[in-house]
Structure formats: C-alpha cells, structure tokens
Protein backbone atom coordinates (compact mmCIF):
# COMPACT_ATOMS: atom_id res chain seq x y z
CA UNK A 1 -24.64 -3.14 -5.03
CA UNK A 2 -26.58 -0.87 -3.81
CA UNK A 3 -23.76 1.90 -3.12
CA UNK A 4 -22.30 3.04 -6.19
CA UNK A 5 -18.38 4.47 -5.56
CA UNK A 6 -16.46 2.98 -8.72
CA UNK A 7 -16.45 5.76 -10.86
CA UNK A 8 -13.93 7.74 -8.85
CA UNK A 9 -11.60 4.54 -8.48
CA UNK A 10 -12.57 3.67 -12.05
CA UNK A 11 -11.51 7.51 -13.00
CA UNK A 12 -8.30 8.24 -10.87
CA UNK A 13 -7.68 11.58 -13.14
CA UNK A 14 -11.03 13.18 -11.76
CA UNK A 15 -12.17 13.92 -8.44
CA UNK A 16 -15.95 12.93 -7.73
CA UNK A 17 -19.61 14.90 -6.05
CA UNK A 18 -22.29 13.01 -4.46
CA UNK A 19 -25.59 13.81 -6.05
CA UNK A 20 -27.90 13.22 -3.75
CA UNK A 21 -29.60 10.48 -1.79
CA UNK A 22 -31.28 7.30 -3.66
CA UNK A 23 -34.33 6.22 -3.25
CA UNK A 24 -35.58 2.70 -2.62
CA UNK A 25 -36.14 2.61 -6.41
CA UNK A 26 -33.14 4.01 -7.97
CA UNK A 27 -29.51 3.30 -5.78
CA UNK A 28 -26.56 5.99 -4.24
CA UNK A 29 -24.53 7.32 -7.10
CA UNK A 30 -22.32 10.04 -8.09
CA UNK A 31 -21.13 11.67 -10.55
CA UNK A 32 -17.95 12.99 -11.72
CA UNK A 33 -17.23 16.11 -11.52
CA UNK A 34 -13.46 18.70 -11.60
CA UNK A 35 -11.97 20.16 -8.47
CA UNK A 36 -15.63 18.66 -5.87
CA UNK A 37 -14.92 16.03 -3.63
CA UNK A 38 -17.62 14.77 -0.73
CA UNK A 39 -16.64 12.16 1.34
CA UNK A 40 -19.53 9.82 1.93
CA UNK A 41 -20.86 9.83 5.03
CA UNK A 42 -21.65 6.34 7.39
CA UNK A 43 -22.78 5.58 10.44
CA UNK A 44 -20.70 3.04 13.20
CA UNK A 45 -22.28 2.42 16.33
CA UNK A 46 -19.92 0.87 18.38
CA UNK A 47 -20.50 -3.07 17.74
CA UNK A 48 -22.34 -4.96 20.27
CA UNK A 49 -20.34 -7.33 22.90
CA UNK A 50 -22.27 -10.56 22.20
CA UNK A 51 -20.40 -11.86 25.55
CA UNK A 52 -19.55 -10.64 29.13
CA UNK A 53 -15.52 -8.98 29.19
CA UNK A 54 -16.17 -8.15 24.90
CA UNK A 55 -16.54 -4.79 25.48
CA UNK A 56 -13.31 -3.15 25.34
CA UNK A 57 -12.22 -5.15 22.69
CA UNK A 58 -15.63 -4.56 20.88
CA UNK A 59 -14.99 -0.74 21.68
CA UNK A 60 -11.29 -1.11 19.49
CA UNK A 61 -12.37 -3.23 16.78
CA UNK A 62 -15.24 -0.88 16.15
CA UNK A 63 -12.74 2.66 16.22
CA UNK A 64 -10.03 0.50 13.68
CA UNK A 65 -12.73 -0.08 11.23
CA UNK A 66 -13.81 3.03 11.42
CA UNK A 67 -10.17 4.50 10.84
CA UNK A 68 -9.71 1.79 8.03
CA UNK A 69 -12.22 3.70 6.19
CA UNK A 70 -11.96 7.46 7.14
CA UNK A 71 -8.26 7.20 6.44
CA UNK A 72 -8.97 6.43 2.58
CA UNK A 73 -10.15 10.34 2.34
CA UNK A 74 -13.79 8.16 0.63
CA UNK A 75 -15.65 8.39 3.34
CA UNK A 76 -16.57 10.31 6.41
CA UNK A 77 -17.55 9.01 9.78
CA UNK A 78 -20.63 11.02 11.24
CA UNK A 79 -20.03 11.24 14.92
CA UNK A 80 -22.29 9.00 17.32
CA UNK A 81 -23.93 12.59 19.14
CA UNK A 82 -25.54 12.42 16.11
CA UNK A 83 -27.33 9.23 16.42
CA UNK A 84 -30.73 9.62 17.31
CA UNK A 85 -31.22 6.37 17.85
CA UNK A 86 -28.72 3.02 18.27
CA UNK A 87 -29.28 -0.77 17.11
CA UNK A 88 -30.95 -2.71 20.26
CA UNK A 89 -29.31 -5.74 19.06
CA UNK A 90 -26.98 -7.29 16.03
CA UNK A 91 -30.00 -8.78 15.20
CA UNK A 92 -32.82 -5.79 16.28
CA UNK A 93 -34.59 -4.17 13.48
CA UNK A 94 -33.07 -1.61 11.77
CA UNK A 95 -34.63 1.94 12.27
CA UNK A 96 -33.92 3.53 8.30
CA UNK A 97 -35.96 7.01 9.28
CA UNK A 98 -33.49 7.44 12.29
CA UNK A 99 -30.66 7.05 9.81
CA UNK A 100 -32.09 8.84 7.06
CA UNK A 101 -33.27 11.78 9.27
CA UNK A 102 -28.71 12.81 9.92
CA UNK A 103 -28.06 12.02 5.76
CA UNK A 104 -26.00 8.44 6.63
CA UNK A 105 -25.56 7.33 3.27
CA UNK A 106 -24.21 3.26 4.73
CA UNK A 107 -24.60 2.13 8.01
CA UNK A 108 -21.80 -0.67 9.75
CA UNK A 109 -23.27 -2.53 12.98
CA UNK A 110 -21.66 -5.65 14.62
CA UNK A 111 -21.23 -7.49 17.15
CA UNK A 112 -17.56 -9.24 18.89
CA UNK A 113 -17.84 -12.11 21.44
CA UNK A 114 -14.21 -12.52 23.06
CA UNK A 115 -14.00 -16.86 24.11
CA UNK A 116 -10.59 -17.35 25.84
CA UNK A 117 -7.51 -16.62 23.78
CA UNK A 118 -10.16 -16.72 20.32
CA UNK A 119 -12.61 -13.35 19.80
CA UNK A 120 -15.25 -13.28 17.13
CA UNK A 121 -16.39 -10.40 15.21
CA UNK A 122 -19.78 -10.10 12.86
CA UNK A 123 -21.03 -6.99 10.78
CA UNK A 124 -23.37 -5.87 8.13
CA UNK A 125 -23.80 -3.91 6.32
CA UNK A 126 -27.21 -1.12 4.10
CA UNK A 127 -27.59 0.69 2.13
CA UNK A 128 -29.38 3.39 4.29
CA UNK A 129 -32.11 5.03 1.91
CA UNK A 130 -32.68 2.24 -0.16
CA UNK A 131 -33.03 0.33 3.12
CA UNK A 132 -31.38 -2.98 2.13
CA UNK A 133 -28.78 -4.53 3.35
CA UNK A 134 -26.09 -4.61 1.25
CA UNK A 135 -24.58 -8.62 0.44
CA UNK A 136 -25.59 -10.92 3.30
CA UNK A 137 -23.28 -10.38 6.83
CA UNK A 138 -19.72 -11.84 7.23
CA UNK A 139 -18.76 -13.59 10.55
CA UNK A 140 -14.52 -13.79 11.45
CA UNK A 141 -12.65 -15.38 13.85
CA UNK A 142 -9.56 -15.08 15.33
CA UNK A 143 -7.16 -15.18 18.27
CA UNK A 144 -6.92 -12.13 20.86
CA UNK A 145 -3.81 -10.59 19.71
CA UNK A 146 -4.60 -10.92 16.16
CA UNK A 147 -8.05 -8.40 17.07
CA UNK A 148 -6.09 -6.12 14.46
CA UNK A 149 -6.85 -8.30 11.85
CA UNK A 150 -10.30 -8.83 12.83
CA UNK A 151 -11.15 -5.36 12.30
CA UNK A 152 -8.94 -4.81 9.03
CA UNK A 153 -11.06 -7.93 7.23
CA UNK A 154 -14.46 -6.22 8.17
CA UNK A 155 -13.03 -3.03 6.17
CA UNK A 156 -12.06 -4.44 3.75
CA UNK A 157 -15.03 -6.13 3.18
CA UNK A 158 -16.83 -3.11 3.30
CA UNK A 159 -14.95 -0.74 1.60
CA UNK A 160 -14.79 -3.35 -1.45
CA UNK A 161 -18.75 -4.05 -1.30
CA UNK A 162 -19.28 -0.04 -1.31
CA UNK A 163 -16.26 0.87 -4.15
CA UNK A 164 -16.48 -2.37 -6.31
CA UNK A 165 -12.55 -2.73 -5.76
CA UNK A 166 -10.75 -5.46 -3.52
CA UNK A 167 -9.53 -3.43 -0.18
CA UNK A 168 -5.94 -2.69 1.60
CA UNK A 169 -6.35 -2.67 5.42
CA UNK A 170 -5.75 -6.46 5.93
CA UNK A 171 -1.76 -5.89 4.53
CA UNK A 172 1.85 -5.29 6.52
CA UNK A 173 4.27 -2.67 4.55
CA UNK A 174 8.42 -3.44 5.55
CA UNK A 175 10.68 -0.32 5.69
CA UNK A 176 14.45 0.36 6.85
CA UNK A 177 13.41 2.10 10.52
CA UNK A 178 16.02 4.86 10.89
CA UNK A 179 17.21 6.12 14.46
CA UNK A 180 20.29 8.39 15.20
CA UNK A 181 21.38 11.13 13.32
CA UNK A 182 21.46 12.04 9.52
CA UNK A 183 24.54 11.47 9.01
CA UNK A 184 25.09 8.20 11.23
CA UNK A 185 21.78 6.56 11.20
CA UNK A 186 21.66 2.97 11.90
CA UNK A 187 19.27 0.79 10.08
CA UNK A 188 17.12 -1.55 10.75
CA UNK A 189 15.00 -4.15 8.31
CA UNK A 190 11.19 -3.70 10.03
CA UNK A 191 7.40 -4.71 9.30
CA UNK A 192 4.41 -3.90 10.65
CA UNK A 193 0.60 -3.20 9.70
CA UNK A 194 -0.59 -0.86 6.69
CA UNK A 195 -1.58 1.50 9.46
CA UNK A 196 1.78 1.70 11.07
CA UNK A 197 1.10 -0.71 14.27
CA UNK A 198 2.37 -3.92 14.76
CA UNK A 199 6.03 -2.82 14.70
CA UNK A 200 8.85 -5.89 14.74
CA UNK A 201 12.19 -5.38 13.59
CA UNK A 202 13.89 -8.32 11.57
CA UNK A 203 17.05 -7.35 11.66
CA UNK A 204 19.94 -5.47 14.04
CA UNK A 205 21.52 -2.01 13.43
CA UNK A 206 24.84 -3.58 13.31
CA UNK A 207 24.85 -3.33 9.15
CA UNK A 208 23.50 -0.87 7.19
CA UNK A 209 20.54 -2.25 5.83
CA UNK A 210 18.81 -1.14 2.45
CA UNK A 211 15.74 -1.52 -0.05
CA UNK A 212 13.61 -4.38 1.78
CA UNK A 213 10.61 -6.13 -1.18
CA UNK A 214 7.97 -8.11 -0.50
CA UNK A 215 7.58 -11.56 -2.44
CA UNK A 216 4.34 -11.85 -3.90
CA UNK A 217 2.88 -13.39 -1.41
CA UNK A 218 4.55 -12.05 2.16
CA UNK A 219 5.90 -15.02 3.33
CA UNK A 220 9.97 -14.12 2.12
CA UNK A 221 11.52 -10.26 2.33
CA UNK A 222 14.44 -8.71 -0.02
CA UNK A 223 17.27 -6.91 1.39
CA UNK A 224 20.80 -5.17 0.82
CA UNK A 225 23.02 -5.51 3.09
CA UNK A 226 25.98 -3.94 3.65
CA UNK A 227 27.68 -6.57 6.20
CA UNK A 228 30.25 -7.81 4.34
CA UNK A 229 31.52 -4.79 3.23
CA UNK A 230 30.05 -4.38 0.00
CA UNK A 231 25.75 -4.70 -1.08
CA UNK A 232 25.22 -7.93 -1.18
CA UNK A 233 21.45 -9.21 -1.69
CA UNK A 234 19.71 -10.87 1.23
CA UNK A 235 16.94 -13.06 1.59
CA UNK A 236 15.06 -13.44 4.64
CA UNK A 237 12.05 -15.62 5.93
CA UNK A 238 9.57 -13.46 7.58
CA UNK A 239 8.22 -16.67 9.59
CA UNK A 240 11.12 -17.70 11.27
CA UNK A 241 12.80 -14.79 10.66
CA UNK A 242 16.16 -16.86 8.80
CA UNK A 243 18.06 -15.58 6.00
CA UNK A 244 20.42 -16.50 3.39
CA UNK A 245 22.68 -14.97 1.02
CA UNK A 246 20.98 -14.50 -2.43
CA UNK A 247 23.79 -16.12 -5.25
CA UNK A 248 24.66 -13.75 -7.89
CA UNK A 249 27.62 -13.36 -10.64
CA UNK A 250 30.24 -12.41 -9.34
CA UNK A 251 30.75 -9.14 -8.93
CA UNK A 252 31.80 -5.58 -6.93
CA UNK A 253 28.00 -5.31 -5.72
CA UNK A 254 24.37 -6.20 -6.00
CA UNK A 255 21.53 -4.11 -5.01
CA UNK A 256 17.73 -3.05 -6.22
CA UNK A 257 16.48 -6.72 -5.85
CA UNK A 258 12.77 -6.90 -6.49
CA UNK A 259 11.14 -10.95 -6.78
CA UNK A 260 9.25 -12.09 -10.29
CA UNK A 261 5.06 -12.24 -9.83
CA UNK A 262 5.00 -16.33 -8.92
CA UNK A 263 7.78 -15.59 -5.97
CA UNK A 264 10.32 -18.05 -8.32
CA UNK A 265 13.14 -15.45 -9.68
CA UNK A 266 14.80 -12.37 -8.63
CA UNK A 267 16.08 -9.66 -11.38
CA UNK A 268 18.13 -7.05 -9.79
CA UNK A 269 21.26 -4.34 -10.23
CA UNK A 270 24.92 -6.15 -10.38
CA UNK A 271 27.81 -4.09 -10.59
CA UNK A 272 30.65 -5.68 -12.34
CA UNK A 273 33.85 -4.03 -13.68
CA UNK A 274 32.61 -0.01 -13.18
CA UNK A 275 29.67 -0.93 -15.36
CA UNK A 276 26.48 -1.50 -13.70
CA UNK A 277 23.16 -3.83 -15.01
CA UNK A 278 20.55 -5.97 -14.31
CA UNK A 279 20.13 -9.39 -14.01
CA UNK A 280 18.07 -11.99 -13.55
CA UNK A 281 18.48 -14.99 -10.97
CA UNK A 282 16.34 -18.11 -10.77
CA UNK A 283 16.03 -19.46 -6.83
CA UNK A 284 15.50 -23.02 -8.01
CA UNK A 285 18.32 -23.44 -10.11
CA UNK A 286 20.52 -20.75 -9.44
CA UNK A 287 20.75 -20.02 -12.97
CA UNK A 288 21.42 -15.80 -13.65
CA UNK A 289 20.93 -14.13 -16.99
CA UNK A 290 22.09 -10.67 -18.35
CA UNK A 291 19.43 -8.84 -19.11
CA UNK A 292 21.14 -5.13 -20.06
CA UNK A 293 24.56 -4.49 -21.35
CA UNK A 294 24.68 -0.45 -21.46
CA UNK A 295 27.75 1.35 -20.42
CA UNK A 296 24.91 3.24 -18.70
CA UNK A 297 24.07 2.43 -14.92
CA UNK A 298 20.92 0.46 -15.42
CA UNK A 299 19.56 0.16 -12.15
CA UNK A 300 15.97 -0.19 -9.93
CA UNK A 301 14.29 -3.34 -12.07
CA UNK A 302 10.06 -4.20 -11.10
CA UNK A 303 8.39 -6.67 -13.00
CA UNK A 304 4.69 -5.87 -14.73
CA UNK A 305 2.10 -7.42 -13.10
CA UNK A 306 2.12 -10.53 -15.53
CA UNK A 307 5.86 -10.71 -16.13
CA UNK A 308 5.99 -10.00 -19.51
CA UNK A 309 7.70 -7.02 -18.97
CA UNK A 310 10.40 -5.26 -16.31
CA UNK A 311 9.98 -0.99 -16.13
CA UNK A 312 13.53 -0.15 -15.28
CA UNK A 313 16.06 3.39 -14.44
CA UNK A 314 18.87 4.28 -17.43
CA UNK A 315 21.46 6.99 -17.60
CA UNK A 316 21.75 6.11 -21.21
CA UNK A 317 20.42 8.89 -22.51
CA UNK A 318 22.73 11.00 -21.52
CA UNK A 319 19.90 11.29 -18.21
CA UNK A 320 18.46 9.72 -15.48
CA UNK A 321 15.04 7.86 -17.19
CA UNK A 322 13.04 5.27 -17.49
CA UNK A 323 12.48 2.36 -19.85
CA UNK A 324 10.65 -0.98 -20.57
CA UNK A 325 11.72 -4.12 -21.75
CA UNK A 326 10.77 -7.59 -22.52
CA UNK A 327 11.00 -9.21 -19.47
CA UNK A 328 14.04 -12.09 -21.22
CA UNK A 329 15.84 -8.58 -22.63
CA UNK A 330 15.30 -7.35 -25.39
CA UNK A 331 15.74 -3.23 -26.77
CA UNK A 332 14.25 -1.26 -24.35
CA UNK A 333 11.73 1.26 -25.03
CA UNK A 334 12.11 4.83 -23.03
CA UNK A 335 9.01 5.69 -21.20
CA UNK A 336 9.71 9.34 -19.87
CA UNK A 337 10.15 12.42 -21.57
CA UNK A 338 9.18 15.47 -19.48
CA UNK A 339 12.06 17.71 -17.41
CA UNK A 340 13.98 16.26 -14.58
CA UNK A 341 15.06 12.72 -13.80
CA UNK A 342 13.22 9.36 -13.09
CA UNK A 343 14.22 6.97 -11.15
CA UNK A 344 12.93 3.66 -8.84
CA UNK A 345 10.07 2.89 -11.11
CA UNK A 346 7.26 0.51 -9.83
CA UNK A 347 5.14 -1.17 -11.35
CA UNK A 348 1.07 -0.50 -10.54
CA UNK A 349 -0.43 -4.37 -9.57
CA UNK A 350 -2.97 -3.61 -11.91
CA UNK A 351 -0.61 -3.32 -15.18
CA UNK A 352 -2.18 0.32 -16.17
CA UNK A 353 0.15 2.75 -14.58
CA UNK A 354 3.51 2.53 -13.47
CA UNK A 355 4.70 4.73 -10.39
CA UNK A 356 8.24 6.47 -10.18
CA UNK A 357 10.25 9.37 -8.63
CA UNK A 358 10.72 12.60 -10.54
CA UNK A 359 13.61 15.28 -9.71
CA UNK A 360 13.21 19.02 -11.24
CA UNK A 361 14.12 22.17 -10.59
CA UNK A 362 15.20 20.87 -7.40
CA UNK A 363 12.13 19.40 -5.88
CA UNK A 364 11.40 15.54 -5.16
CA UNK A 365 8.14 13.83 -6.44
CA UNK A 366 5.57 11.09 -6.35
CA UNK A 367 4.54 10.91 -10.07
CA UNK A 368 2.64 8.04 -11.57
CA UNK A 369 1.97 7.42 -15.74
CA UNK A 370 0.39 5.26 -18.32
CA UNK A 371 2.89 2.39 -19.01
CA UNK A 372 3.58 3.46 -22.07
CA UNK A 373 4.44 7.33 -20.53
CA UNK A 374 1.39 8.95 -21.05
CA UNK A 375 -1.01 11.41 -19.41
CA UNK A 376 2.20 11.52 -16.57
CA UNK A 377 1.22 12.91 -13.01
CA UNK A 378 2.94 14.46 -10.62
CA UNK A 379 1.37 13.32 -6.89
CA UNK A 380 3.30 15.18 -3.93
CA UNK A 381 6.39 17.58 -3.82
CA UNK A 382 8.53 17.94 -1.05
CA UNK A 383 12.46 18.35 -0.60
CA UNK A 384 12.62 14.86 -0.92
CA UNK A 385 10.04 12.77 -1.69
CA UNK A 386 11.09 8.69 -2.70
CA UNK A 387 10.37 5.26 -3.87
CA UNK A 388 7.23 4.95 -4.09
CA UNK A 389 5.42 1.61 -3.41
CA UNK A 390 1.69 0.47 -4.00
CA UNK A 391 -0.84 -0.70 -2.65
CA UNK A 392 -2.31 -4.53 -2.99
CA UNK A 393 -5.26 -2.47 -5.11
CA UNK A 394 -3.59 -0.31 -6.98
CA UNK A 395 -5.58 3.01 -5.51
CA UNK A 396 -2.70 3.99 -3.03
CA UNK A 397 0.57 4.51 -3.05
CA UNK A 398 2.91 4.77 -0.14
CA UNK A 399 6.24 6.36 -0.02
CA UNK A 400 9.35 7.92 1.78
CA UNK A 401 9.78 11.94 2.29
CA UNK A 402 12.54 13.32 4.37
CA UNK A 403 13.17 16.63 5.32
CA UNK A 404 15.69 19.54 5.07
CA UNK A 405 19.01 20.18 6.93
CA UNK A 406 21.39 18.60 9.30
CA UNK A 407 18.41 17.52 11.46
CA UNK A 408 16.63 16.15 9.03
CA UNK A 409 14.28 13.25 9.29
CA UNK A 410 12.43 10.76 7.82
CA UNK A 411 9.23 9.06 6.96
CA UNK A 412 6.40 6.87 5.73
CA UNK A 413 4.06 8.65 3.67
CA UNK A 414 0.88 7.49 1.94
CA UNK A 415 -1.65 9.26 -0.76
CA UNK A 416 -3.94 7.86 -3.80
CA UNK A 417 -3.46 7.83 -7.10
CA UNK A 418 -5.50 11.54 -8.04
CA UNK A 419 -3.07 13.36 -5.58
CA UNK A 420 -5.07 13.75 -3.20
CA UNK A 421 -5.92 12.68 1.05
CA UNK A 422 -1.74 12.90 1.90
CA UNK A 423 -1.32 11.12 5.19
CA UNK A 424 1.66 10.34 7.39
CA UNK A 425 2.02 6.97 8.40
CA UNK A 426 2.82 6.70 12.34
CA UNK A 427 6.07 4.77 13.05
CA UNK A 428 8.16 4.53 16.53
CA UNK A 429 11.26 6.23 14.53
CA UNK A 430 12.70 7.46 11.07
CA UNK A 431 11.45 5.25 8.46
CA UNK A 432 12.40 4.51 4.84
CA UNK A 433 12.26 2.21 1.56
CA UNK A 434 8.68 1.21 2.49
CA UNK A 435 7.57 -2.24 0.62
CA UNK A 436 3.85 -2.92 0.51
CA UNK A 437 3.07 -6.26 0.66
CA UNK A 438 -0.02 -8.71 -0.27
CA UNK A 439 -2.98 -9.07 1.56
CA UNK A 440 -3.19 -11.06 4.29
CA UNK A 441 -4.26 -15.21 4.05
C-alpha cells in the first residue's frame, strides 16, 4: 500500500496531520498530532464513457464516488478547474508530473460502458508522488437501475486501499420515517442507501412502529409494532416485504429486539406483571430463555460481535446505567460510572467499543466507551440525540436527532468515532431509529 492512512483510523481519539508528499523511495505517511486535521487531497477526473450514450452515467458515477470519499471527512477533492491535464483515455499513461503540480496525493481514473440494461464500471487508483498504481484495476457490472451500487463499490475499493480498512458505502440503513406534527406523528419502517438515496417504505402508517433492526446479512428486519394495541415484535423479509410476528413468552409487551450474530436468535425486552427483563428466543425451535430476573427495568440488549456477551441498560442501581453479562445470562457487570444516565448501548462490529446515548445536565449525547467502561468519549451534544448504530466497518456512527419545541423535527446524523465530521443524512421527511446494515453482497 502506497498511501498509509491506517494510523489515523487505528487511533480513534487522536487527530492526524499530513507530513508531506511521498517520493518514489518513501511512501506517503501520516503522523498523529493533537488538534490538526488535514484531509488527503485526491483528483477524480470524470470517468470516460467507453460506449456512446454512456456519458450521463459516467458523470453520475464519478459524482457519487467523489461524494462518498469526501463525505468521510478524510479526503478532499481537487476541483477540475485546477487540473493541468486530464487522461486522454482509461488505458493512457498517467502524466504524474501534472498531478504532482496541483498537490494531488491520489488519482482515481475510470471508465463506464452502458449496454442495454447493463452498466460496467472499471477504475484505477494511483499514488501520485510515487508514480505507481495501488493494486490492480477492478471492474464491476450490474444493472443500470443499480448504478449507484457500482459507484459505492468503486468508492469502497478506493477507501479500503488507501486506509487499509473495509469500506461502508455499499450498505443500507433501515429507519422510521416520520410525518405529521410532533404530537401525532405517522411512522413507517423505511429502508435507504447509507447516503439517503433510494428510500423505500416497508410498512404503512396505520400503526406505530419502533426500532427496526437489520439481521446480520441484511435479509430480514426486526421491528416493534403496536398493531395489536400492545408492542409486539415483527420479523420482516426485505425481499418479499412479508412479515410475521415473533413468538415470545406470554407477556404484556415485547420490544427492543436484536438479532444474534448468526441470525438464529433474537434478544429483546419483555414486560410481564410490571417487571421488564431480557429474554432470548431461538427462531428455529421457538424456545425462550429468560436472561435477567430482577425488579429493575432492563432493556436495549445488544450482542457482542463474537456472540459471547450482551450489553444492556438497567436501572438496578437506581439510575439508568450500562451492564455487560454472558450471552446465556449470569451476573452482569456495570460498565458506566460517569454522571448522568446511559442507554441504548450497541456493540461495535469490531468488538472494541460500545456506543450509547447519555443524558446529562439537560443535554443528550452520543458517546463511545471501551467494553470495560474505560475511555468514555462524548461525540455529540444537543437537545435530543439518541439511538446510535454502527457502520459495517465500525468507524462511523449514525443516530437520530430531534429539535426542541412543539414544532421540533427529527432527522438522522452521522459522526465518526473521533467526534469529527458531524453530517446530516438527507431523508425525504423526518427520520428516527436508524439501524445500519451490512455491506451488500
């Protein structure tokens, strides 16, 4: 790898600074420093249209690739008006001197061909200052309707080669779409690309729906519905948009569901006789297991990536705090000890951090901590931030934010785990309860 960006990503609490261009003998490197952040400059000339009629598709794909990369906050696109020259063709030699002159550190070139309902995209990535290609060029093919996925795949490959980390652009998010006034909102389960495009509605607004959650491979969604008058957990098949109710232990209310890592079990909260505990149901056998048994309210469970532990929130200590216990139940260990109340914990896909919502001094925050509760960091602060969910690579968190007052609105935001690059995710209307799915296959 010619461009070494991994040091930034491996040290989430620290900022980074660009240390200077690489030479043919010495690869580009980044040095960690406090408080100084400089995005890596890259050039992306519009992809070549290899077949007549492919020009608009080539322009659209080029735009989305650039938006994916710049949206991370780690990259800065050099405008085309600064280019000294542009590639004469995808297979043409690269005039590296022209790109060095405008301080481009990375160069992305590509070509697009539309043939009927099929689009083919190929690209190359170059380390400009070493004058070398970073890995072999790749090619993706798909339908013209799925052209955005081709762009996301290219951006994921570029991101991965430069940072050494898996990408997250070719992924989807399920969420609750909201319309109407604050005191009478209509809510529907909806799904979209990670960047807010291609929104589809999976339920109607005839009943309240809450907390949709993706399965590990993205084929199913859990959500809570009030269709029966009480909260019940539903399982929805994404492809067919059919659903069924999850069989649970008889109780008044079942809510806050999540899949296990293998997708074969569901953990959730169940309120019965005024007591709320955490249960697990095996989807194949229908067998139920009670994992907690206290007078406290215990909810919002989330499996660790290896499936061995569960983090959840409980008020057993008198205030809302976070606890970790073995996946089969057992004595929980409290991990949150700061001021305020903690809730909605979610284990990182990498297994190293737990994201949470914190309420303190009249403000809400999205934060992260180590799995033992150490190194707590608050990433956001507002009137109401809640419900964090992790990108597939564990480097970005999406959450819901609500504004104050009777006319307050809901929206989705994302932030990286350093607390930088807070961005609003565009949705057609109000949005809450996001759940980030895996990379698509």
